[in-house]
Amino acid sequence: MSKYLVTGGAGYVGSVVAAHLLEAGHEVTVLDDLSTGFRAGVPQGAGFIEGRIQDAASYLDPSYDAVLHFAAFSQVGESVVNPGKYWENNVGGTLALLGAMRGAGVRKLVFSSTAATYGEPAEGPLTESSVTAPTNPYGASKLAVDHMIAGECVAHGLAAVSLRYFNVAGAYGQFGERHSPETHLIPLVLQVALGERESISVFGDDYPTPDGTCVRDYIHVADLAQAHLAALEAASAGEHLICNLGNGSGFSVREVVETVRKVTGREIPEVLAPRRAGDPATLVASARTAHERLGWTPSRPDLTGIITDAWNFARTHAS
């Protein structure tokens, strides 16, 4: 059994990872300031500290074997209008966390990174060697942290893995997605199914894709959690390993909407809207590195299954 600190463990992905760690027999403490997470999201059996990552030195001690770091602001639009918030928390907070880990002698880190570090790629599938050119402060802050971690590995022997997620979706039992405001496609379409939203906007239907709508790579949140457990085993002292996490294939906006109709049996009115600036036609990951280095392959790649799990969660947590 190992002991882990999970920062941001009251949020969507962090709570699912914390639950998987507990199921694997580990000791888990969640550190979260509840600014975007939920106290009810902390899995039963986990310790809980309500606090900020900037103050991690007050909570970390040598008894911890590793940190899994999810505590970040992640709203792209908000990052554009309030970039300082993202630099202060995502970058400044992680800098403080790395210092606290060094001081406590905790020498292993798994970091929640993002495909937003790549920006608007001209081609795909994206690999870890693809050009990183983030188009917003959120993606830029995550890329800055990746650089920061790389330096820590070289200078101080940290063992670190950054996992760059593509579109995380689905739910795991009582743990699911409930952002405010919500910006992700699947929960937005489910809000229409629940009668909480009148229609779903389809931003452009003239892209060079099979049905003209944007294609994205969706990964089940439980598959994502398994990758984090594998990353803990694969982390090597002095190395910063970066792995993309995705299914390696994509689903269009129209495919998502049609699958929600089938799963829920509800009408889903669509409204065609102009293209959004900066929306690439296709974003799909190559997860070859994760397969080779972590021994990880998604076990829940089916869109129907992803949406079914998300729908079951949405119905039990409807506003």
C-alpha atoms as a PDB file:
ATOM      1  CA  MET A   1       0.000   0.000   0.000  1.00  0.00           C
ATOM      2  CA  SER A   2       1.216   3.489  -0.847  1.00  0.00           C
ATOM      3  CA  LYS A   3       0.146   6.902   0.415  1.00  0.00           C
ATOM      4  CA  TYR A   4      -0.837   9.568  -2.093  1.00  0.00           C
ATOM      5  CA  LEU A   5      -1.793  13.243  -2.005  1.00  0.00           C
ATOM      6  CA  VAL A   6      -4.387  14.067  -4.673  1.00  0.00           C
ATOM      7  CA  THR A   7      -4.617  17.804  -5.278  1.00  0.00           C
ATOM      8  CA  GLY A   8      -7.946  18.835  -6.791  1.00  0.00           C
ATOM      9  CA  GLY A   9      -9.392  15.491  -5.769  1.00  0.00           C
ATOM     10  CA  ALA A  10     -12.875  16.942  -5.224  1.00  0.00           C
ATOM     11  CA  GLY A  11     -13.189  17.743  -8.920  1.00  0.00           C
ATOM     12  CA  TYR A  12     -14.295  15.607 -11.856  1.00  0.00           C
ATOM     13  CA  VAL A  13     -11.158  13.720 -12.874  1.00  0.00           C
ATOM     14  CA  GLY A  14      -9.450  13.987  -9.496  1.00  0.00           C
ATOM     15  CA  SER A  15     -12.358  12.338  -7.672  1.00  0.00           C
ATOM     16  CA  VAL A  16     -12.455   9.402 -10.096  1.00  0.00           C
ATOM     17  CA  VAL A  17      -8.699   8.878  -9.794  1.00  0.00           C
ATOM     18  CA  ALA A  18      -8.913   9.084  -5.998  1.00  0.00           C
ATOM     19  CA  ALA A  19     -11.667   6.445  -6.038  1.00  0.00           C
ATOM     20  CA  HIS A  20      -9.522   4.130  -8.180  1.00  0.00           C
ATOM     21  CA  LEU A  21      -6.544   4.569  -5.862  1.00  0.00           C
ATOM     22  CA  LEU A  22      -8.671   3.630  -2.859  1.00  0.00           C
ATOM     23  CA  GLU A  23     -10.066   0.593  -4.678  1.00  0.00           C
ATOM     24  CA  ALA A  24      -6.482  -0.495  -5.360  1.00  0.00           C
ATOM     25  CA  GLY A  25      -5.836  -0.478  -1.608  1.00  0.00           C
ATOM     26  CA  HIS A  26      -3.882   2.755  -1.279  1.00  0.00           C
ATOM     27  CA  GLU A  27      -4.148   5.507   1.334  1.00  0.00           C
ATOM     28  CA  VAL A  28      -5.422   8.752  -0.177  1.00  0.00           C
ATOM     29  CA  THR A  29      -5.590  12.333   1.071  1.00  0.00           C
ATOM     30  CA  VAL A  30      -7.422  14.905  -1.041  1.00  0.00           C
ATOM     31  CA  LEU A  31      -6.283  18.532  -0.990  1.00  0.00           C
ATOM     32  CA  ASP A  32      -8.858  20.867  -2.542  1.00  0.00           C
ATOM     33  CA  ASP A  33     -10.001  24.435  -1.872  1.00  0.00           C
ATOM     34  CA  LEU A  34     -13.506  23.600  -3.216  1.00  0.00           C
ATOM     35  CA  SER A  35     -13.447  26.632  -5.519  1.00  0.00           C
ATOM     36  CA  THR A  36     -14.609  24.407  -8.381  1.00  0.00           C
ATOM     37  CA  GLY A  37     -14.809  20.981  -6.736  1.00  0.00           C
ATOM     38  CA  PHE A  38     -17.456  19.514  -4.440  1.00  0.00           C
ATOM     39  CA  ARG A  39     -17.054  18.164  -0.917  1.00  0.00           C
ATOM     40  CA  ALA A  40     -19.369  15.307  -1.919  1.00  0.00           C
ATOM     41  CA  GLY A  41     -16.895  14.466  -4.676  1.00  0.00           C
ATOM     42  CA  VAL A  42     -14.279  13.301  -2.176  1.00  0.00           C
ATOM     43  CA  PRO A  43     -14.533   9.487  -2.137  1.00  0.00           C
ATOM     44  CA  GLN A  44     -15.465   7.769   1.088  1.00  0.00           C
ATOM     45  CA  GLY A  45     -12.324   6.507   2.764  1.00  0.00           C
ATOM     46  CA  ALA A  46     -10.115   9.362   1.609  1.00  0.00           C
ATOM     47  CA  GLY A  47      -8.736  11.943   3.990  1.00  0.00           C
ATOM     48  CA  PHE A  48      -9.662  15.529   3.161  1.00  0.00           C
ATOM     49  CA  ILE A  49      -7.851  18.824   3.626  1.00  0.00           C
ATOM     50  CA  GLU A  50      -9.617  21.992   2.542  1.00  0.00           C
ATOM     51  CA  GLY A  51      -6.738  24.128   1.402  1.00  0.00           C
ATOM     52  CA  ARG A  52      -4.731  25.613  -1.453  1.00  0.00           C
ATOM     53  CA  ILE A  53      -1.830  24.066  -3.339  1.00  0.00           C
ATOM     54  CA  GLN A  54       0.107  27.259  -2.597  1.00  0.00           C
ATOM     55  CA  ASP A  55       0.155  26.081   1.025  1.00  0.00           C
ATOM     56  CA  ALA A  56       1.122  22.472   0.258  1.00  0.00           C
ATOM     57  CA  ALA A  57       4.246  22.756   2.444  1.00  0.00           C
ATOM     58  CA  SER A  58       1.886  22.786   5.432  1.00  0.00           C
ATOM     59  CA  TYR A  59       0.357  19.447   4.459  1.00  0.00           C
ATOM     60  CA  LEU A  60       3.091  17.397   2.771  1.00  0.00           C
ATOM     61  CA  ASP A  61       5.466  15.220   4.783  1.00  0.00           C
ATOM     62  CA  PRO A  62       7.860  12.359   3.995  1.00  0.00           C
ATOM     63  CA  SER A  63       5.147   9.733   4.574  1.00  0.00           C
ATOM     64  CA  TYR A  64       3.680  10.461   1.129  1.00  0.00           C
ATOM     65  CA  ASP A  65       4.919   8.331  -1.754  1.00  0.00           C
ATOM     66  CA  ALA A  66       3.695  10.597  -4.549  1.00  0.00           C
ATOM     67  CA  VAL A  67       1.466  13.502  -5.531  1.00  0.00           C
ATOM     68  CA  LEU A  68      -1.198  13.372  -8.241  1.00  0.00           C
ATOM     69  CA  HIS A  69      -1.842  16.964  -9.258  1.00  0.00           C
ATOM     70  CA  PHE A  70      -5.256  18.006 -10.651  1.00  0.00           C
ATOM     71  CA  ALA A  71      -5.724  21.362  -8.920  1.00  0.00           C
ATOM     72  CA  ALA A  72      -6.048  23.828 -11.797  1.00  0.00           C
ATOM     73  CA  PHE A  73      -8.501  26.255 -13.300  1.00  0.00           C
ATOM     74  CA  SER A  74      -9.517  24.931 -16.716  1.00  0.00           C
ATOM     75  CA  GLN A  75     -12.025  27.250 -18.408  1.00  0.00           C
ATOM     76  CA  VAL A  76     -10.559  28.384 -21.721  1.00  0.00           C
ATOM     77  CA  GLY A  77     -12.822  31.421 -22.081  1.00  0.00           C
ATOM     78  CA  GLU A  78     -12.214  32.597 -18.537  1.00  0.00           C
ATOM     79  CA  SER A  79      -8.468  32.278 -19.039  1.00  0.00           C
ATOM     80  CA  VAL A  80      -8.660  34.734 -21.949  1.00  0.00           C
ATOM     81  CA  VAL A  81     -10.442  37.428 -19.947  1.00  0.00           C
ATOM     82  CA  ASN A  82      -8.670  36.744 -16.634  1.00  0.00           C
ATOM     83  CA  PRO A  83      -5.227  35.332 -17.490  1.00  0.00           C
ATOM     84  CA  GLY A  84      -3.680  36.373 -14.186  1.00  0.00           C
ATOM     85  CA  LYS A  85      -5.912  33.931 -12.327  1.00  0.00           C
ATOM     86  CA  TYR A  86      -4.485  31.095 -14.424  1.00  0.00           C
ATOM     87  CA  TRP A  87      -0.854  32.124 -14.098  1.00  0.00           C
ATOM     88  CA  GLU A  88      -1.210  32.588 -10.343  1.00  0.00           C
ATOM     89  CA  ASN A  89      -2.952  29.287  -9.641  1.00  0.00           C
ATOM     90  CA  ASN A  90      -1.889  26.881 -12.373  1.00  0.00           C
ATOM     91  CA  VAL A  91       1.723  28.045 -12.618  1.00  0.00           C
ATOM     92  CA  GLY A  92       2.409  29.766  -9.296  1.00  0.00           C
ATOM     93  CA  GLY A  93       0.518  27.110  -7.355  1.00  0.00           C
ATOM     94  CA  THR A  94       2.412  24.290  -9.040  1.00  0.00           C
ATOM     95  CA  LEU A  95       5.732  26.036  -8.399  1.00  0.00           C
ATOM     96  CA  ALA A  96       4.856  26.128  -4.698  1.00  0.00           C
ATOM     97  CA  LEU A  97       3.775  22.473  -4.831  1.00  0.00           C
ATOM     98  CA  LEU A  98       7.074  21.398  -6.406  1.00  0.00           C
ATOM     99  CA  GLY A  99       8.967  23.267  -3.709  1.00  0.00           C
ATOM    100  CA  ALA A 100       6.874  21.606  -1.015  1.00  0.00           C
ATOM    101  CA  MET A 101       7.523  18.179  -2.541  1.00  0.00           C
ATOM    102  CA  ARG A 102      11.260  18.851  -2.644  1.00  0.00           C
ATOM    103  CA  GLY A 103      11.230  19.998   0.967  1.00  0.00           C
ATOM    104  CA  ALA A 104       9.318  16.937   2.135  1.00  0.00           C
ATOM    105  CA  GLY A 105      11.344  14.495   0.055  1.00  0.00           C
ATOM    106  CA  VAL A 106       8.351  13.393  -2.015  1.00  0.00           C
ATOM    107  CA  ARG A 107       9.961  12.470  -5.323  1.00  0.00           C
ATOM    108  CA  LYS A 108       7.152  11.278  -7.601  1.00  0.00           C
ATOM    109  CA  LEU A 109       4.503  13.309  -9.458  1.00  0.00           C
ATOM    110  CA  VAL A 110       1.703  12.595 -11.929  1.00  0.00           C
ATOM    111  CA  PHE A 111       0.471  15.803 -13.522  1.00  0.00           C
ATOM    112  CA  SER A 112      -2.882  16.455 -15.180  1.00  0.00           C
ATOM    113  CA  SER A 113      -1.910  18.179 -18.416  1.00  0.00           C
ATOM    114  CA  THR A 114      -4.025  18.810 -21.522  1.00  0.00           C
ATOM    115  CA  ALA A 115      -4.246  18.640 -25.293  1.00  0.00           C
ATOM    116  CA  ALA A 116      -4.702  22.432 -25.160  1.00  0.00           C
ATOM    117  CA  THR A 117      -0.900  22.611 -25.046  1.00  0.00           C
ATOM    118  CA  TYR A 118      -0.912  21.780 -28.780  1.00  0.00           C
ATOM    119  CA  GLY A 119      -3.139  24.686 -29.815  1.00  0.00           C
ATOM    120  CA  GLU A 120      -4.581  24.385 -33.333  1.00  0.00           C
ATOM    121  CA  PRO A 121      -2.637  21.598 -35.037  1.00  0.00           C
ATOM    122  CA  ALA A 122      -2.550  21.414 -38.812  1.00  0.00           C
ATOM    123  CA  GLU A 123      -2.556  17.630 -38.875  1.00  0.00           C
ATOM    124  CA  GLY A 124      -3.020  14.547 -36.720  1.00  0.00           C
ATOM    125  CA  PRO A 125      -3.183  12.214 -34.962  1.00  0.00           C
ATOM    126  CA  LEU A 126      -1.219  14.250 -32.437  1.00  0.00           C
ATOM    127  CA  THR A 127       1.887  12.758 -30.864  1.00  0.00           C
ATOM    128  CA  GLU A 128       3.928  14.031 -27.947  1.00  0.00           C
ATOM    129  CA  SER A 129       6.449  15.444 -30.446  1.00  0.00           C
ATOM    130  CA  SER A 130       3.786  17.548 -32.205  1.00  0.00           C
ATOM    131  CA  VAL A 131       4.332  21.299 -32.062  1.00  0.00           C
ATOM    132  CA  THR A 132       3.061  22.900 -28.852  1.00  0.00           C
ATOM    133  CA  ALA A 133       1.517  26.283 -29.616  1.00  0.00           C
ATOM    134  CA  PRO A 134      -1.318  26.967 -27.141  1.00  0.00           C
ATOM    135  CA  THR A 135      -3.846  29.576 -28.223  1.00  0.00           C
ATOM    136  CA  ASN A 136      -5.096  30.636 -24.784  1.00  0.00           C
ATOM    137  CA  PRO A 137      -3.679  31.255 -21.299  1.00  0.00           C
ATOM    138  CA  TYR A 138      -5.139  28.006 -19.970  1.00  0.00           C
ATOM    139  CA  GLY A 139      -3.164  25.892 -22.448  1.00  0.00           C
ATOM    140  CA  ALA A 140      -0.133  28.140 -22.025  1.00  0.00           C
ATOM    141  CA  SER A 141      -0.228  27.723 -18.237  1.00  0.00           C
ATOM    142  CA  LYS A 142      -0.282  23.941 -18.542  1.00  0.00           C
ATOM    143  CA  LEU A 143       2.599  23.976 -21.014  1.00  0.00           C
ATOM    144  CA  ALA A 144       4.569  26.239 -18.667  1.00  0.00           C
ATOM    145  CA  VAL A 145       4.051  23.707 -15.885  1.00  0.00           C
ATOM    146  CA  ASP A 146       5.278  20.902 -18.141  1.00  0.00           C
ATOM    147  CA  HIS A 147       8.482  22.890 -18.721  1.00  0.00           C
ATOM    148  CA  MET A 148       8.741  23.558 -14.991  1.00  0.00           C
ATOM    149  CA  ILE A 149       8.409  19.855 -14.186  1.00  0.00           C
ATOM    150  CA  ALA A 150      11.026  18.945 -16.779  1.00  0.00           C
ATOM    151  CA  GLY A 151      13.496  21.274 -15.088  1.00  0.00           C
ATOM    152  CA  GLU A 152      12.697  19.806 -11.666  1.00  0.00           C
ATOM    153  CA  CYS A 153      13.384  16.304 -12.972  1.00  0.00           C
ATOM    154  CA  VAL A 154      16.789  17.273 -14.340  1.00  0.00           C
ATOM    155  CA  ALA A 155      17.879  19.414 -11.396  1.00  0.00           C
ATOM    156  CA  HIS A 156      16.447  17.453  -8.479  1.00  0.00           C
ATOM    157  CA  GLY A 157      15.753  13.914  -9.698  1.00  0.00           C
ATOM    158  CA  LEU A 158      11.958  14.137  -9.635  1.00  0.00           C
ATOM    159  CA  ALA A 159      10.146  11.186 -11.230  1.00  0.00           C
ATOM    160  CA  ALA A 160       7.268  12.733 -13.178  1.00  0.00           C
ATOM    161  CA  VAL A 161       4.641  11.849 -15.761  1.00  0.00           C
ATOM    162  CA  SER A 162       2.476  14.454 -17.501  1.00  0.00           C
ATOM    163  CA  LEU A 163      -0.738  13.069 -18.980  1.00  0.00           C
ATOM    164  CA  ARG A 164      -2.191  15.202 -21.771  1.00  0.00           C
ATOM    165  CA  TYR A 165      -5.925  14.522 -21.901  1.00  0.00           C
ATOM    166  CA  PHE A 166      -8.097  15.007 -24.922  1.00  0.00           C
ATOM    167  CA  ASN A 167     -11.905  15.091 -24.341  1.00  0.00           C
ATOM    168  CA  VAL A 168     -12.699  13.396 -21.037  1.00  0.00           C
ATOM    169  CA  ALA A 169     -16.288  12.206 -20.675  1.00  0.00           C
ATOM    170  CA  GLY A 170     -18.499   9.677 -18.940  1.00  0.00           C
ATOM    171  CA  ALA A 171     -18.886   9.013 -15.233  1.00  0.00           C
ATOM    172  CA  TYR A 172     -17.792   6.489 -12.646  1.00  0.00           C
ATOM    173  CA  GLY A 173     -20.602   5.634 -10.261  1.00  0.00           C
ATOM    174  CA  GLN A 174     -21.320   8.688  -8.118  1.00  0.00           C
ATOM    175  CA  PHE A 175     -18.444  10.667  -9.645  1.00  0.00           C
ATOM    176  CA  GLY A 176     -19.149  12.655 -12.780  1.00  0.00           C
ATOM    177  CA  GLU A 177     -18.946  15.942 -14.599  1.00  0.00           C
ATOM    178  CA  ARG A 178     -20.662  19.037 -13.192  1.00  0.00           C
ATOM    179  CA  HIS A 179     -18.797  22.161 -14.134  1.00  0.00           C
ATOM    180  CA  SER A 180     -20.168  25.664 -13.680  1.00  0.00           C
ATOM    181  CA  PRO A 181     -20.323  27.050 -16.254  1.00  0.00           C
ATOM    182  CA  GLU A 182     -20.430  23.928 -18.390  1.00  0.00           C
ATOM    183  CA  THR A 183     -18.593  24.126 -21.711  1.00  0.00           C
ATOM    184  CA  HIS A 184     -18.140  20.475 -22.720  1.00  0.00           C
ATOM    185  CA  LEU A 185     -20.293  19.018 -25.469  1.00  0.00           C
ATOM    186  CA  ILE A 186     -21.614  15.796 -23.930  1.00  0.00           C
ATOM    187  CA  PRO A 187     -22.913  17.308 -20.662  1.00  0.00           C
ATOM    188  CA  LEU A 188     -24.359  20.234 -22.637  1.00  0.00           C
ATOM    189  CA  VAL A 189     -26.324  17.874 -24.889  1.00  0.00           C
ATOM    190  CA  LEU A 190     -27.475  15.945 -21.820  1.00  0.00           C
ATOM    191  CA  GLN A 191     -28.757  19.211 -20.349  1.00  0.00           C
ATOM    192  CA  VAL A 192     -30.986  19.499 -23.429  1.00  0.00           C
ATOM    193  CA  ALA A 193     -32.219  15.949 -22.841  1.00  0.00           C
ATOM    194  CA  LEU A 194     -33.044  16.885 -19.240  1.00  0.00           C
ATOM    195  CA  GLY A 195     -34.957  19.993 -20.292  1.00  0.00           C
ATOM    196  CA  GLU A 196     -32.416  22.309 -18.664  1.00  0.00           C
ATOM    197  CA  ARG A 197     -31.400  23.795 -22.028  1.00  0.00           C
ATOM    198  CA  GLU A 198     -33.624  24.430 -25.056  1.00  0.00           C
ATOM    199  CA  SER A 199     -31.225  23.287 -27.776  1.00  0.00           C
ATOM    200  CA  ILE A 200     -27.634  22.462 -28.611  1.00  0.00           C
ATOM    201  CA  SER A 201     -25.630  24.756 -30.862  1.00  0.00           C
ATOM    202  CA  VAL A 202     -23.671  23.135 -33.669  1.00  0.00           C
ATOM    203  CA  PHE A 203     -20.844  25.506 -34.539  1.00  0.00           C
ATOM    204  CA  GLY A 204     -20.338  24.983 -38.257  1.00  0.00           C
ATOM    205  CA  ASP A 205     -21.303  22.107 -40.540  1.00  0.00           C
ATOM    206  CA  ASP A 206     -18.920  22.778 -43.409  1.00  0.00           C
ATOM    207  CA  TYR A 207     -15.676  21.359 -42.014  1.00  0.00           C
ATOM    208  CA  PRO A 208     -13.674  18.814 -44.054  1.00  0.00           C
ATOM    209  CA  THR A 209     -15.035  15.904 -42.010  1.00  0.00           C
ATOM    210  CA  PRO A 210     -17.473  13.098 -42.962  1.00  0.00           C
ATOM    211  CA  ASP A 211     -20.574  15.006 -41.800  1.00  0.00           C
ATOM    212  CA  GLY A 212     -19.179  18.546 -41.841  1.00  0.00           C
ATOM    213  CA  THR A 213     -19.001  18.960 -38.046  1.00  0.00           C
ATOM    214  CA  CYS A 214     -15.895  18.988 -35.860  1.00  0.00           C
ATOM    215  CA  VAL A 215     -14.389  15.663 -34.802  1.00  0.00           C
ATOM    216  CA  ARG A 216     -12.970  15.146 -31.310  1.00  0.00           C
ATOM    217  CA  ASP A 217     -11.315  12.285 -29.432  1.00  0.00           C
ATOM    218  CA  TYR A 218     -13.398  11.236 -26.388  1.00  0.00           C
ATOM    219  CA  ILE A 219     -11.953   9.154 -23.565  1.00  0.00           C
ATOM    220  CA  HIS A 220     -13.862   7.591 -20.665  1.00  0.00           C
ATOM    221  CA  VAL A 221     -12.918   9.092 -17.310  1.00  0.00           C
ATOM    222  CA  ALA A 222     -12.431   5.615 -15.814  1.00  0.00           C
ATOM    223  CA  ASP A 223      -9.916   4.760 -18.552  1.00  0.00           C
ATOM    224  CA  LEU A 224      -8.179   8.011 -17.703  1.00  0.00           C
ATOM    225  CA  ALA A 225      -7.998   6.987 -14.043  1.00  0.00           C
ATOM    226  CA  GLN A 226      -6.365   3.690 -14.937  1.00  0.00           C
ATOM    227  CA  ALA A 227      -3.689   5.592 -16.856  1.00  0.00           C
ATOM    228  CA  HIS A 228      -2.838   7.552 -13.704  1.00  0.00           C
ATOM    229  CA  LEU A 229      -2.316   4.383 -11.695  1.00  0.00           C
ATOM    230  CA  ALA A 230      -0.108   3.036 -14.480  1.00  0.00           C
ATOM    231  CA  ALA A 231       1.831   6.322 -14.560  1.00  0.00           C
ATOM    232  CA  LEU A 232       2.678   5.977 -10.869  1.00  0.00           C
ATOM    233  CA  GLU A 233       4.312   2.635 -11.628  1.00  0.00           C
ATOM    234  CA  ALA A 234       6.130   3.907 -14.728  1.00  0.00           C
ATOM    235  CA  ALA A 235       7.584   7.121 -13.253  1.00  0.00           C
ATOM    236  CA  SER A 236      11.376   7.046 -13.215  1.00  0.00           C
ATOM    237  CA  ALA A 237      13.739   9.275 -11.202  1.00  0.00           C
ATOM    238  CA  GLY A 238      15.132  12.141 -13.255  1.00  0.00           C
ATOM    239  CA  GLU A 239      12.734  11.584 -16.162  1.00  0.00           C
ATOM    240  CA  HIS A 240       9.768  13.670 -17.268  1.00  0.00           C
ATOM    241  CA  LEU A 241       7.567  11.384 -19.347  1.00  0.00           C
ATOM    242  CA  ILE A 242       4.756  12.968 -21.390  1.00  0.00           C
ATOM    243  CA  CYS A 243       1.887  10.799 -22.647  1.00  0.00           C
ATOM    244  CA  ASN A 244      -1.191  11.703 -24.686  1.00  0.00           C
ATOM    245  CA  LEU A 245      -4.383  10.045 -23.493  1.00  0.00           C
ATOM    246  CA  GLY A 246      -7.153   9.460 -26.011  1.00  0.00           C
ATOM    247  CA  ASN A 247      -8.980   6.731 -27.878  1.00  0.00           C
ATOM    248  CA  GLY A 248      -7.053   7.349 -31.079  1.00  0.00           C
ATOM    249  CA  SER A 249     -10.255   7.854 -33.043  1.00  0.00           C
ATOM    250  CA  GLY A 250     -12.780  10.649 -33.105  1.00  0.00           C
ATOM    251  CA  PHE A 251     -16.503  11.306 -33.052  1.00  0.00           C
ATOM    252  CA  SER A 252     -18.182  14.263 -34.724  1.00  0.00           C
ATOM    253  CA  VAL A 253     -20.515  16.718 -33.029  1.00  0.00           C
ATOM    254  CA  ARG A 254     -23.443  15.224 -34.957  1.00  0.00           C
ATOM    255  CA  GLU A 255     -22.451  11.692 -33.901  1.00  0.00           C
ATOM    256  CA  VAL A 256     -22.438  12.792 -30.266  1.00  0.00           C
ATOM    257  CA  VAL A 257     -25.864  14.440 -30.569  1.00  0.00           C
ATOM    258  CA  GLU A 258     -27.355  11.422 -32.359  1.00  0.00           C
ATOM    259  CA  THR A 259     -25.921   9.024 -29.773  1.00  0.00           C
ATOM    260  CA  VAL A 260     -27.444  11.103 -26.961  1.00  0.00           C
ATOM    261  CA  ARG A 261     -30.811  10.844 -28.731  1.00  0.00           C
ATOM    262  CA  LYS A 262     -30.499   7.055 -28.857  1.00  0.00           C
ATOM    263  CA  VAL A 263     -29.306   6.664 -25.261  1.00  0.00           C
ATOM    264  CA  THR A 264     -31.856   9.023 -23.700  1.00  0.00           C
ATOM    265  CA  GLY A 265     -34.815   8.573 -26.028  1.00  0.00           C
ATOM    266  CA  ARG A 266     -35.282  12.353 -25.892  1.00  0.00           C
ATOM    267  CA  GLU A 267     -35.636  15.007 -28.559  1.00  0.00           C
ATOM    268  CA  ILE A 268     -32.478  17.074 -28.962  1.00  0.00           C
ATOM    269  CA  PRO A 269     -33.177  20.251 -30.984  1.00  0.00           C
ATOM    270  CA  GLU A 270     -30.131  21.550 -32.870  1.00  0.00           C
ATOM    271  CA  VAL A 271     -29.347  25.139 -33.818  1.00  0.00           C
ATOM    272  CA  LEU A 272     -26.747  25.685 -36.515  1.00  0.00           C
ATOM    273  CA  ALA A 273     -24.366  28.470 -35.525  1.00  0.00           C
ATOM    274  CA  PRO A 274     -21.333  30.023 -37.239  1.00  0.00           C
ATOM    275  CA  ARG A 275     -17.948  28.428 -36.786  1.00  0.00           C
ATOM    276  CA  ARG A 276     -16.072  29.415 -33.642  1.00  0.00           C
ATOM    277  CA  ALA A 277     -12.697  31.017 -34.153  1.00  0.00           C
ATOM    278  CA  GLY A 278      -9.877  28.590 -33.489  1.00  0.00           C
ATOM    279  CA  ASP A 279     -11.885  25.370 -33.752  1.00  0.00           C
ATOM    280  CA  PRO A 280      -9.777  22.802 -35.662  1.00  0.00           C
ATOM    281  CA  ALA A 281     -11.748  20.410 -37.852  1.00  0.00           C
ATOM    282  CA  THR A 282     -10.262  17.325 -36.181  1.00  0.00           C
ATOM    283  CA  LEU A 283      -8.411  16.721 -32.905  1.00  0.00           C
ATOM    284  CA  VAL A 284      -7.391  13.115 -32.364  1.00  0.00           C
ATOM    285  CA  ALA A 285      -4.624  11.703 -30.170  1.00  0.00           C
ATOM    286  CA  SER A 286      -2.026   9.078 -30.781  1.00  0.00           C
ATOM    287  CA  ALA A 287      -1.760   7.221 -27.468  1.00  0.00           C
ATOM    288  CA  ARG A 288       1.100   5.012 -28.650  1.00  0.00           C
ATOM    289  CA  THR A 289       3.490   6.310 -25.989  1.00  0.00           C
ATOM    290  CA  ALA A 290       0.989   5.563 -23.219  1.00  0.00           C
ATOM    291  CA  HIS A 291       0.559   2.060 -24.616  1.00  0.00           C
ATOM    292  CA  GLU A 292       4.306   1.434 -24.860  1.00  0.00           C
ATOM    293  CA  ARG A 293       5.468   3.105 -21.640  1.00  0.00           C
ATOM    294  CA  LEU A 294       2.466   2.681 -19.343  1.00  0.00           C
ATOM    295  CA  GLY A 295       1.021  -0.531 -20.751  1.00  0.00           C
ATOM    296  CA  TRP A 296      -2.260   1.355 -21.081  1.00  0.00           C
ATOM    297  CA  THR A 297      -5.027   0.848 -23.626  1.00  0.00           C
ATOM    298  CA  PRO A 298      -8.550   2.296 -23.291  1.00  0.00           C
ATOM    299  CA  SER A 299     -11.059  -0.401 -22.306  1.00  0.00           C
ATOM    300  CA  ARG A 300     -14.189   1.739 -22.762  1.00  0.00           C
ATOM    301  CA  PRO A 301     -13.794   3.344 -26.218  1.00  0.00           C
ATOM    302  CA  ASP A 302     -17.456   3.002 -27.226  1.00  0.00           C
ATOM    303  CA  LEU A 303     -19.277   6.342 -27.471  1.00  0.00           C
ATOM    304  CA  THR A 304     -22.602   4.779 -26.469  1.00  0.00           C
ATOM    305  CA  GLY A 305     -21.097   3.458 -23.254  1.00  0.00           C
ATOM    306  CA  ILE A 306     -19.431   6.777 -22.461  1.00  0.00           C
ATOM    307  CA  ILE A 307     -22.693   8.676 -22.949  1.00  0.00           C
ATOM    308  CA  THR A 308     -24.759   6.077 -21.062  1.00  0.00           C
ATOM    309  CA  ASP A 309     -22.568   6.477 -17.985  1.00  0.00           C
ATOM    310  CA  ALA A 310     -22.706  10.278 -18.280  1.00  0.00           C
ATOM    311  CA  TRP A 311     -26.508  10.148 -18.671  1.00  0.00           C
ATOM    312  CA  ASN A 312     -26.962   7.978 -15.581  1.00  0.00           C
ATOM    313  CA  PHE A 313     -24.910  10.451 -13.564  1.00  0.00           C
ATOM    314  CA  ALA A 314     -26.665  13.507 -15.029  1.00  0.00           C
ATOM    315  CA  ARG A 315     -30.122  12.173 -14.164  1.00  0.00           C
ATOM    316  CA  THR A 316     -29.203  11.617 -10.523  1.00  0.00           C
ATOM    317  CA  HIS A 317     -27.563  15.032 -10.205  1.00  0.00           C
ATOM    318  CA  ALA A 318     -30.023  17.123 -12.221  1.00  0.00           C
ATOM    319  CA  SER A 319     -30.553  20.658 -10.912  1.00  0.00           C
END
